[in-house]
Amino acid sequence: MKKVQDYFRKGAATPIVLAASAMFALLAITGAMTTPLSAIPQVDIRTEPQSGIIATGDTFEIQLIVESSIAVNAFEGELLFDSTVLTVQGINYNTSIADLWVQEPWYSNGDGSINFAGGTTKKGGFTGTDTILTITFKSIAQGAGHIGIKNARIMQHDGLGNDALVHKSIDAIFTVEDNAYDILRTQNTRSTSIAVVPQKLSTDLNNDGKQNLVDVSIFMLHLTQKNPRSDFNGDGRTNTADLSIILDSN
């Protein structure tokens, strides 16, 4: 199987002081109110990478990542994918996050779905960032292959079965082309691999068709969590350079 690699563009960073001043000035002008702590999502579940361009007939892997700031112990959800463009070749669920499965993750290429429901028996639950599933896909036709997370639920490790607040998920998009950037092959000592090229991410973080202070607020949370969804310049980091980009778009 060909190894997937990401290619990122370098972006110029905005000085922290200037970026922060612009941020606070924007908040003052709009009279925005801070988000209550109880309404801030505590857990992010996402796919990585979230975009790319690959060649028809090749295989690639994506990881289902869980990032939690609080102790959690149970995970369930569904991944939906475009079965006219992509097909699942296999799922690796032998990860350090979930060691107990209600039902082993299963998939249907006919329905374009992957289902999972499991938990951890680790004392204290799970906190931090790690992979819960690794899925191997094969591209079978040209087009935009969307991969989305639906009905995700993650439970707090509180003995009460309370739901954790989960970030709204963003669909991953893999564009399949016969001559994908001339297939963008990179050489290493033993093999040739297909490069996955990140697509430009939108600064409309809540997908409401507008770019405003709400998106800036979401970005500030992404900044503290180093969430790659807000890596607008594609340099592999979420930092003040991306803050400058989202401020310029408002």
C-alpha atoms as a PDB file:
ATOM      1  CA  MET A   1       0.000   0.000   0.000  1.00  0.00           C
ATOM      2  CA  LYS A   2       1.296   3.436  -0.855  1.00  0.00           C
ATOM      3  CA  LYS A   3       2.018   5.693   2.113  1.00  0.00           C
ATOM      4  CA  VAL A   4       0.113   8.988   2.228  1.00  0.00           C
ATOM      5  CA  GLN A   5       2.151  12.136   2.854  1.00  0.00           C
ATOM      6  CA  ASP A   6       0.980  15.708   3.390  1.00  0.00           C
ATOM      7  CA  TYR A   7       2.517  18.678   1.570  1.00  0.00           C
ATOM      8  CA  PHE A   8       2.124  22.071   3.224  1.00  0.00           C
ATOM      9  CA  ARG A   9       2.815  25.595   2.116  1.00  0.00           C
ATOM     10  CA  LYS A  10       4.816  27.959   4.286  1.00  0.00           C
ATOM     11  CA  GLY A  11       3.047  31.132   5.438  1.00  0.00           C
ATOM     12  CA  ALA A  12       4.365  34.368   6.897  1.00  0.00           C
ATOM     13  CA  ALA A  13       3.592  34.748  10.615  1.00  0.00           C
ATOM     14  CA  THR A  14       1.957  37.885  12.016  1.00  0.00           C
ATOM     15  CA  PRO A  15       3.652  39.263  15.158  1.00  0.00           C
ATOM     16  CA  ILE A  16       1.796  38.056  18.253  1.00  0.00           C
ATOM     17  CA  VAL A  17       1.332  41.537  19.740  1.00  0.00           C
ATOM     18  CA  LEU A  18      -0.174  42.997  16.573  1.00  0.00           C
ATOM     19  CA  ALA A  19      -2.429  39.979  16.014  1.00  0.00           C
ATOM     20  CA  ALA A  20      -3.665  40.038  19.600  1.00  0.00           C
ATOM     21  CA  SER A  21      -4.305  43.804  19.423  1.00  0.00           C
ATOM     22  CA  ALA A  22      -6.343  43.343  16.252  1.00  0.00           C
ATOM     23  CA  MET A  23      -8.321  40.589  17.901  1.00  0.00           C
ATOM     24  CA  PHE A  24      -9.198  42.606  20.995  1.00  0.00           C
ATOM     25  CA  ALA A  25     -10.010  45.663  18.891  1.00  0.00           C
ATOM     26  CA  LEU A  26     -12.455  43.614  16.857  1.00  0.00           C
ATOM     27  CA  LEU A  27     -14.117  42.321  20.010  1.00  0.00           C
ATOM     28  CA  ALA A  28     -14.423  45.847  21.406  1.00  0.00           C
ATOM     29  CA  ILE A  29     -15.944  47.261  18.226  1.00  0.00           C
ATOM     30  CA  THR A  30     -18.576  44.558  17.925  1.00  0.00           C
ATOM     31  CA  GLY A  31     -19.393  44.470  21.624  1.00  0.00           C
ATOM     32  CA  ALA A  32     -19.111  40.675  21.607  1.00  0.00           C
ATOM     33  CA  MET A  33     -19.829  38.671  24.732  1.00  0.00           C
ATOM     34  CA  THR A  34     -17.700  35.751  25.832  1.00  0.00           C
ATOM     35  CA  THR A  35     -19.004  32.219  25.466  1.00  0.00           C
ATOM     36  CA  PRO A  36     -20.063  30.615  28.772  1.00  0.00           C
ATOM     37  CA  LEU A  37     -17.628  27.896  29.859  1.00  0.00           C
ATOM     38  CA  SER A  38     -20.485  25.405  30.035  1.00  0.00           C
ATOM     39  CA  ALA A  39     -21.149  25.891  26.301  1.00  0.00           C
ATOM     40  CA  ILE A  40     -17.557  25.359  25.145  1.00  0.00           C
ATOM     41  CA  PRO A  41     -17.068  21.952  23.492  1.00  0.00           C
ATOM     42  CA  GLN A  42     -14.860  19.673  25.559  1.00  0.00           C
ATOM     43  CA  VAL A  43     -14.092  16.985  22.986  1.00  0.00           C
ATOM     44  CA  ASP A  44     -13.076  17.069  19.331  1.00  0.00           C
ATOM     45  CA  ILE A  45     -13.473  14.039  17.078  1.00  0.00           C
ATOM     46  CA  ARG A  46     -12.118  14.464  13.567  1.00  0.00           C
ATOM     47  CA  THR A  47     -10.445  12.752  10.636  1.00  0.00           C
ATOM     48  CA  GLU A  48      -6.828  13.367   9.697  1.00  0.00           C
ATOM     49  CA  PRO A  49      -5.841  14.310   7.101  1.00  0.00           C
ATOM     50  CA  GLN A  50      -8.937  16.334   6.230  1.00  0.00           C
ATOM     51  CA  SER A  51      -8.279  16.919   2.557  1.00  0.00           C
ATOM     52  CA  GLY A  52      -6.115  15.788  -0.312  1.00  0.00           C
ATOM     53  CA  ILE A  53      -5.741  14.955  -3.984  1.00  0.00           C
ATOM     54  CA  ILE A  54      -4.978  11.364  -4.944  1.00  0.00           C
ATOM     55  CA  ALA A  55      -4.858   9.247  -8.065  1.00  0.00           C
ATOM     56  CA  THR A  56      -7.574   6.842  -9.163  1.00  0.00           C
ATOM     57  CA  GLY A  57      -6.972   3.285  -7.989  1.00  0.00           C
ATOM     58  CA  ASP A  58      -4.645   4.130  -5.097  1.00  0.00           C
ATOM     59  CA  THR A  59      -5.084   3.361  -1.408  1.00  0.00           C
ATOM     60  CA  PHE A  60      -4.614   5.754   1.479  1.00  0.00           C
ATOM     61  CA  GLU A  61      -5.229   5.877   5.219  1.00  0.00           C
ATOM     62  CA  ILE A  62      -7.107   8.288   7.431  1.00  0.00           C
ATOM     63  CA  GLN A  63      -7.158   8.348  11.212  1.00  0.00           C
ATOM     64  CA  LEU A  64     -10.190   9.032  13.388  1.00  0.00           C
ATOM     65  CA  ILE A  65      -8.779  11.252  16.123  1.00  0.00           C
ATOM     66  CA  VAL A  66     -10.255  11.984  19.547  1.00  0.00           C
ATOM     67  CA  GLU A  67      -8.988  15.010  21.489  1.00  0.00           C
ATOM     68  CA  SER A  68     -10.442  15.566  24.949  1.00  0.00           C
ATOM     69  CA  SER A  69      -9.716  18.093  27.687  1.00  0.00           C
ATOM     70  CA  ILE A  70     -11.773  16.102  30.211  1.00  0.00           C
ATOM     71  CA  ALA A  71     -11.837  12.426  31.209  1.00  0.00           C
ATOM     72  CA  VAL A  72     -14.077  10.378  28.897  1.00  0.00           C
ATOM     73  CA  ASN A  73     -14.630   6.637  28.603  1.00  0.00           C
ATOM     74  CA  ALA A  74     -17.094   5.747  25.810  1.00  0.00           C
ATOM     75  CA  PHE A  75     -17.220   6.589  22.101  1.00  0.00           C
ATOM     76  CA  GLU A  76     -19.729   5.945  19.349  1.00  0.00           C
ATOM     77  CA  GLY A  77     -20.604   7.326  15.970  1.00  0.00           C
ATOM     78  CA  GLU A  78     -20.787   6.798  12.239  1.00  0.00           C
ATOM     79  CA  LEU A  79     -18.550   7.787   9.337  1.00  0.00           C
ATOM     80  CA  LEU A  80     -20.314   8.325   6.029  1.00  0.00           C
ATOM     81  CA  PHE A  81     -18.346   8.307   2.777  1.00  0.00           C
ATOM     82  CA  ASP A  82     -19.128   8.632  -0.923  1.00  0.00           C
ATOM     83  CA  SER A  83     -19.136   4.993  -2.058  1.00  0.00           C
ATOM     84  CA  THR A  84     -19.138   6.013  -5.723  1.00  0.00           C
ATOM     85  CA  VAL A  85     -15.649   7.496  -5.277  1.00  0.00           C
ATOM     86  CA  LEU A  86     -14.168   5.621  -2.306  1.00  0.00           C
ATOM     87  CA  THR A  87     -14.328   2.084  -0.931  1.00  0.00           C
ATOM     88  CA  VAL A  88     -13.116   0.773   2.438  1.00  0.00           C
ATOM     89  CA  GLN A  89     -10.325  -1.799   2.307  1.00  0.00           C
ATOM     90  CA  GLY A  90     -10.007  -2.363   6.032  1.00  0.00           C
ATOM     91  CA  ILE A  91     -10.207  -0.922   9.567  1.00  0.00           C
ATOM     92  CA  ASN A  92      -7.578  -1.079  12.302  1.00  0.00           C
ATOM     93  CA  TYR A  93      -9.195  -0.596  15.715  1.00  0.00           C
ATOM     94  CA  ASN A  94      -6.349  -1.964  17.863  1.00  0.00           C
ATOM     95  CA  THR A  95      -5.582   1.407  19.428  1.00  0.00           C
ATOM     96  CA  SER A  96      -4.714   2.636  22.897  1.00  0.00           C
ATOM     97  CA  ILE A  97      -7.939   4.636  23.329  1.00  0.00           C
ATOM     98  CA  ALA A  98     -10.609   1.946  23.118  1.00  0.00           C
ATOM     99  CA  ASP A  99      -9.899  -1.498  24.590  1.00  0.00           C
ATOM    100  CA  LEU A 100     -13.516  -2.581  24.920  1.00  0.00           C
ATOM    101  CA  TRP A 101     -15.879  -2.706  21.952  1.00  0.00           C
ATOM    102  CA  VAL A 102     -19.654  -3.068  22.248  1.00  0.00           C
ATOM    103  CA  GLN A 103     -19.398  -4.280  18.684  1.00  0.00           C
ATOM    104  CA  GLU A 104     -16.276  -4.396  16.554  1.00  0.00           C
ATOM    105  CA  PRO A 105     -16.244  -1.510  14.050  1.00  0.00           C
ATOM    106  CA  TRP A 106     -17.919  -2.583  10.845  1.00  0.00           C
ATOM    107  CA  TYR A 107     -18.419  -1.030   7.439  1.00  0.00           C
ATOM    108  CA  SER A 108     -20.688  -1.261   4.424  1.00  0.00           C
ATOM    109  CA  ASN A 109     -19.306  -0.190   1.064  1.00  0.00           C
ATOM    110  CA  GLY A 110     -22.816  -0.440  -0.343  1.00  0.00           C
ATOM    111  CA  ASP A 111     -24.217   2.082   2.143  1.00  0.00           C
ATOM    112  CA  GLY A 112     -20.999   4.093   2.396  1.00  0.00           C
ATOM    113  CA  SER A 113     -20.897   3.830   6.186  1.00  0.00           C
ATOM    114  CA  ILE A 114     -18.601   2.853   9.054  1.00  0.00           C
ATOM    115  CA  ASN A 115     -20.043   2.320  12.546  1.00  0.00           C
ATOM    116  CA  PHE A 116     -18.206   2.127  15.860  1.00  0.00           C
ATOM    117  CA  ALA A 117     -19.105   1.898  19.560  1.00  0.00           C
ATOM    118  CA  GLY A 118     -16.500   1.223  22.203  1.00  0.00           C
ATOM    119  CA  GLY A 119     -14.885   2.406  25.384  1.00  0.00           C
ATOM    120  CA  THR A 120     -11.843   2.373  27.593  1.00  0.00           C
ATOM    121  CA  THR A 121     -11.361   0.453  30.833  1.00  0.00           C
ATOM    122  CA  LYS A 122      -8.336   2.566  31.739  1.00  0.00           C
ATOM    123  CA  LYS A 123      -8.462   3.894  35.284  1.00  0.00           C
ATOM    124  CA  GLY A 124      -9.325   7.577  35.152  1.00  0.00           C
ATOM    125  CA  GLY A 125     -10.684   7.349  31.598  1.00  0.00           C
ATOM    126  CA  PHE A 126      -9.052   9.003  28.599  1.00  0.00           C
ATOM    127  CA  THR A 127      -7.744  12.547  28.214  1.00  0.00           C
ATOM    128  CA  GLY A 128      -5.442  13.968  25.562  1.00  0.00           C
ATOM    129  CA  THR A 129      -5.203  13.248  21.829  1.00  0.00           C
ATOM    130  CA  ASP A 130      -4.989   9.831  20.178  1.00  0.00           C
ATOM    131  CA  THR A 131      -6.287   7.666  17.321  1.00  0.00           C
ATOM    132  CA  ILE A 132      -9.386   5.544  17.823  1.00  0.00           C
ATOM    133  CA  LEU A 133      -9.566   4.046  14.284  1.00  0.00           C
ATOM    134  CA  THR A 134      -7.359   3.864  11.220  1.00  0.00           C
ATOM    135  CA  ILE A 135      -9.295   3.297   7.997  1.00  0.00           C
ATOM    136  CA  THR A 136      -7.777   2.248   4.683  1.00  0.00           C
ATOM    137  CA  PHE A 137      -9.634   3.568   1.631  1.00  0.00           C
ATOM    138  CA  LYS A 138      -9.214   2.908  -2.065  1.00  0.00           C
ATOM    139  CA  SER A 139     -10.158   5.466  -4.704  1.00  0.00           C
ATOM    140  CA  ILE A 140     -12.322   3.835  -7.381  1.00  0.00           C
ATOM    141  CA  ALA A 141     -13.514   6.764  -9.537  1.00  0.00           C
ATOM    142  CA  GLN A 142     -12.833  10.402 -10.220  1.00  0.00           C
ATOM    143  CA  GLY A 143     -14.705  12.921  -8.105  1.00  0.00           C
ATOM    144  CA  ALA A 144     -14.898  14.495  -4.657  1.00  0.00           C
ATOM    145  CA  GLY A 145     -14.976  11.827  -1.976  1.00  0.00           C
ATOM    146  CA  HIS A 146     -16.568  13.283   1.155  1.00  0.00           C
ATOM    147  CA  ILE A 147     -15.991  11.610   4.527  1.00  0.00           C
ATOM    148  CA  GLY A 148     -18.167  12.911   7.366  1.00  0.00           C
ATOM    149  CA  ILE A 149     -18.659  12.063  11.043  1.00  0.00           C
ATOM    150  CA  LYS A 150     -22.300  11.724  12.074  1.00  0.00           C
ATOM    151  CA  ASN A 151     -24.118  11.080  15.360  1.00  0.00           C
ATOM    152  CA  ALA A 152     -20.920  11.214  17.393  1.00  0.00           C
ATOM    153  CA  ARG A 153     -21.373  10.713  21.140  1.00  0.00           C
ATOM    154  CA  ILE A 154     -18.623  10.695  23.740  1.00  0.00           C
ATOM    155  CA  MET A 155     -19.391  10.054  27.411  1.00  0.00           C
ATOM    156  CA  GLN A 156     -17.758  11.649  30.407  1.00  0.00           C
ATOM    157  CA  HIS A 157     -15.888   9.451  32.869  1.00  0.00           C
ATOM    158  CA  ASP A 158     -18.096  10.632  35.737  1.00  0.00           C
ATOM    159  CA  GLY A 159     -19.997   7.488  36.657  1.00  0.00           C
ATOM    160  CA  LEU A 160     -23.223   9.097  35.456  1.00  0.00           C
ATOM    161  CA  GLY A 161     -23.027   8.533  31.710  1.00  0.00           C
ATOM    162  CA  ASN A 162     -23.239  12.244  30.936  1.00  0.00           C
ATOM    163  CA  ASP A 163     -22.484  13.350  27.400  1.00  0.00           C
ATOM    164  CA  ALA A 164     -19.405  15.454  26.789  1.00  0.00           C
ATOM    165  CA  LEU A 165     -19.845  18.532  24.607  1.00  0.00           C
ATOM    166  CA  VAL A 166     -18.450  17.594  21.181  1.00  0.00           C
ATOM    167  CA  HIS A 167     -17.185  19.988  18.521  1.00  0.00           C
ATOM    168  CA  LYS A 168     -19.215  20.170  15.327  1.00  0.00           C
ATOM    169  CA  SER A 169     -17.397  17.947  12.869  1.00  0.00           C
ATOM    170  CA  ILE A 170     -16.088  19.096   9.485  1.00  0.00           C
ATOM    171  CA  ASP A 171     -16.255  16.797   6.456  1.00  0.00           C
ATOM    172  CA  ALA A 172     -12.989  15.607   4.954  1.00  0.00           C
ATOM    173  CA  ILE A 173     -12.764  15.901   1.155  1.00  0.00           C
ATOM    174  CA  PHE A 174     -10.467  13.813  -1.049  1.00  0.00           C
ATOM    175  CA  THR A 175     -10.416  14.712  -4.715  1.00  0.00           C
ATOM    176  CA  VAL A 176      -9.681  11.751  -6.977  1.00  0.00           C
ATOM    177  CA  GLU A 177      -8.132  12.515 -10.374  1.00  0.00           C
ATOM    178  CA  ASP A 178      -6.468  10.347 -13.010  1.00  0.00           C
ATOM    179  CA  ASN A 179      -3.522  12.750 -13.270  1.00  0.00           C
ATOM    180  CA  ALA A 180      -3.536  14.173  -9.748  1.00  0.00           C
ATOM    181  CA  TYR A 181      -0.837  16.850  -9.954  1.00  0.00           C
ATOM    182  CA  ASP A 182       0.994  14.454 -12.272  1.00  0.00           C
ATOM    183  CA  ILE A 183       0.404  11.974  -9.429  1.00  0.00           C
ATOM    184  CA  LEU A 184       2.889  13.973  -7.289  1.00  0.00           C
ATOM    185  CA  ARG A 185       5.158  11.044  -6.570  1.00  0.00           C
ATOM    186  CA  THR A 186       7.899  11.426  -4.004  1.00  0.00           C
ATOM    187  CA  GLN A 187      10.938   9.202  -3.932  1.00  0.00           C
ATOM    188  CA  ASN A 188      12.359   7.529  -0.852  1.00  0.00           C
ATOM    189  CA  THR A 189      14.953   4.807  -0.483  1.00  0.00           C
ATOM    190  CA  ARG A 190      12.603   1.907  -1.112  1.00  0.00           C
ATOM    191  CA  SER A 191       9.270   2.978  -2.549  1.00  0.00           C
ATOM    192  CA  THR A 192       7.228   5.584  -4.358  1.00  0.00           C
ATOM    193  CA  SER A 193       4.247   7.039  -2.518  1.00  0.00           C
ATOM    194  CA  ILE A 194       1.235   9.131  -3.440  1.00  0.00           C
ATOM    195  CA  ALA A 195       1.244  12.629  -1.997  1.00  0.00           C
ATOM    196  CA  VAL A 196      -1.917  13.991  -0.405  1.00  0.00           C
ATOM    197  CA  VAL A 197      -2.093  17.733  -1.029  1.00  0.00           C
ATOM    198  CA  PRO A 198      -4.115  19.767   1.480  1.00  0.00           C
ATOM    199  CA  GLN A 199      -6.861  21.956   0.094  1.00  0.00           C
ATOM    200  CA  LYS A 200      -7.409  25.506   1.344  1.00  0.00           C
ATOM    201  CA  LEU A 201      -9.612  25.519   4.448  1.00  0.00           C
ATOM    202  CA  SER A 202     -12.500  27.954   4.724  1.00  0.00           C
ATOM    203  CA  THR A 203     -12.515  30.542   7.515  1.00  0.00           C
ATOM    204  CA  ASP A 204     -16.285  29.979   7.847  1.00  0.00           C
ATOM    205  CA  LEU A 205     -15.751  27.673  10.801  1.00  0.00           C
ATOM    206  CA  ASN A 206     -19.417  27.207  11.739  1.00  0.00           C
ATOM    207  CA  ASN A 207     -20.555  26.692   8.127  1.00  0.00           C
ATOM    208  CA  ASP A 208     -23.292  29.340   8.277  1.00  0.00           C
ATOM    209  CA  GLY A 209     -22.288  30.947   4.982  1.00  0.00           C
ATOM    210  CA  LYS A 210     -20.851  34.017   6.730  1.00  0.00           C
ATOM    211  CA  GLN A 211     -17.440  34.974   8.046  1.00  0.00           C
ATOM    212  CA  ASN A 212     -17.804  36.994  11.218  1.00  0.00           C
ATOM    213  CA  LEU A 213     -17.009  37.223  14.912  1.00  0.00           C
ATOM    214  CA  VAL A 214     -18.526  33.823  15.612  1.00  0.00           C
ATOM    215  CA  ASP A 215     -15.842  32.253  13.437  1.00  0.00           C
ATOM    216  CA  VAL A 216     -13.161  34.283  15.232  1.00  0.00           C
ATOM    217  CA  SER A 217     -14.455  32.975  18.557  1.00  0.00           C
ATOM    218  CA  ILE A 218     -14.290  29.397  17.290  1.00  0.00           C
ATOM    219  CA  PHE A 219     -10.784  30.042  15.986  1.00  0.00           C
ATOM    220  CA  MET A 220      -9.598  31.227  19.400  1.00  0.00           C
ATOM    221  CA  LEU A 221     -10.624  27.887  20.862  1.00  0.00           C
ATOM    222  CA  HIS A 222      -8.926  26.053  17.995  1.00  0.00           C
ATOM    223  CA  LEU A 223      -5.794  28.113  18.660  1.00  0.00           C
ATOM    224  CA  THR A 224      -5.519  26.920  22.265  1.00  0.00           C
ATOM    225  CA  GLN A 225      -6.101  23.321  21.161  1.00  0.00           C
ATOM    226  CA  LYS A 226      -3.810  23.504  18.086  1.00  0.00           C
ATOM    227  CA  ASN A 227      -6.772  22.229  16.042  1.00  0.00           C
ATOM    228  CA  PRO A 228      -5.685  21.680  12.404  1.00  0.00           C
ATOM    229  CA  ARG A 229      -9.153  22.711  11.164  1.00  0.00           C
ATOM    230  CA  SER A 230      -7.970  26.323  11.601  1.00  0.00           C
ATOM    231  CA  ASP A 231      -4.622  25.853   9.849  1.00  0.00           C
ATOM    232  CA  PHE A 232      -5.676  28.234   7.049  1.00  0.00           C
ATOM    233  CA  ASN A 233      -2.236  28.699   5.502  1.00  0.00           C
ATOM    234  CA  GLY A 234      -1.477  24.982   5.440  1.00  0.00           C
ATOM    235  CA  ASP A 235       1.863  25.143   7.232  1.00  0.00           C
ATOM    236  CA  GLY A 236       1.007  22.326   9.634  1.00  0.00           C
ATOM    237  CA  ARG A 237       0.431  24.647  12.593  1.00  0.00           C
ATOM    238  CA  THR A 238      -2.479  26.600  14.051  1.00  0.00           C
ATOM    239  CA  ASN A 239      -1.014  29.896  15.225  1.00  0.00           C
ATOM    240  CA  THR A 240      -1.089  33.687  14.914  1.00  0.00           C
ATOM    241  CA  ALA A 241      -0.443  33.528  11.178  1.00  0.00           C
ATOM    242  CA  ASP A 242      -3.850  31.844  10.833  1.00  0.00           C
ATOM    243  CA  LEU A 243      -5.341  34.442  13.197  1.00  0.00           C
ATOM    244  CA  SER A 244      -4.203  37.156  10.794  1.00  0.00           C
ATOM    245  CA  ILE A 245      -5.927  35.326   7.910  1.00  0.00           C
ATOM    246  CA  ILE A 246      -9.288  35.014   9.686  1.00  0.00           C
ATOM    247  CA  LEU A 247      -9.169  38.646  10.845  1.00  0.00           C
ATOM    248  CA  ASP A 248      -8.522  39.783   7.266  1.00  0.00           C
ATOM    249  CA  SER A 249     -11.535  37.785   6.054  1.00  0.00           C
ATOM    250  CA  ASN A 250     -13.993  39.554   8.399  1.00  0.00           C
END
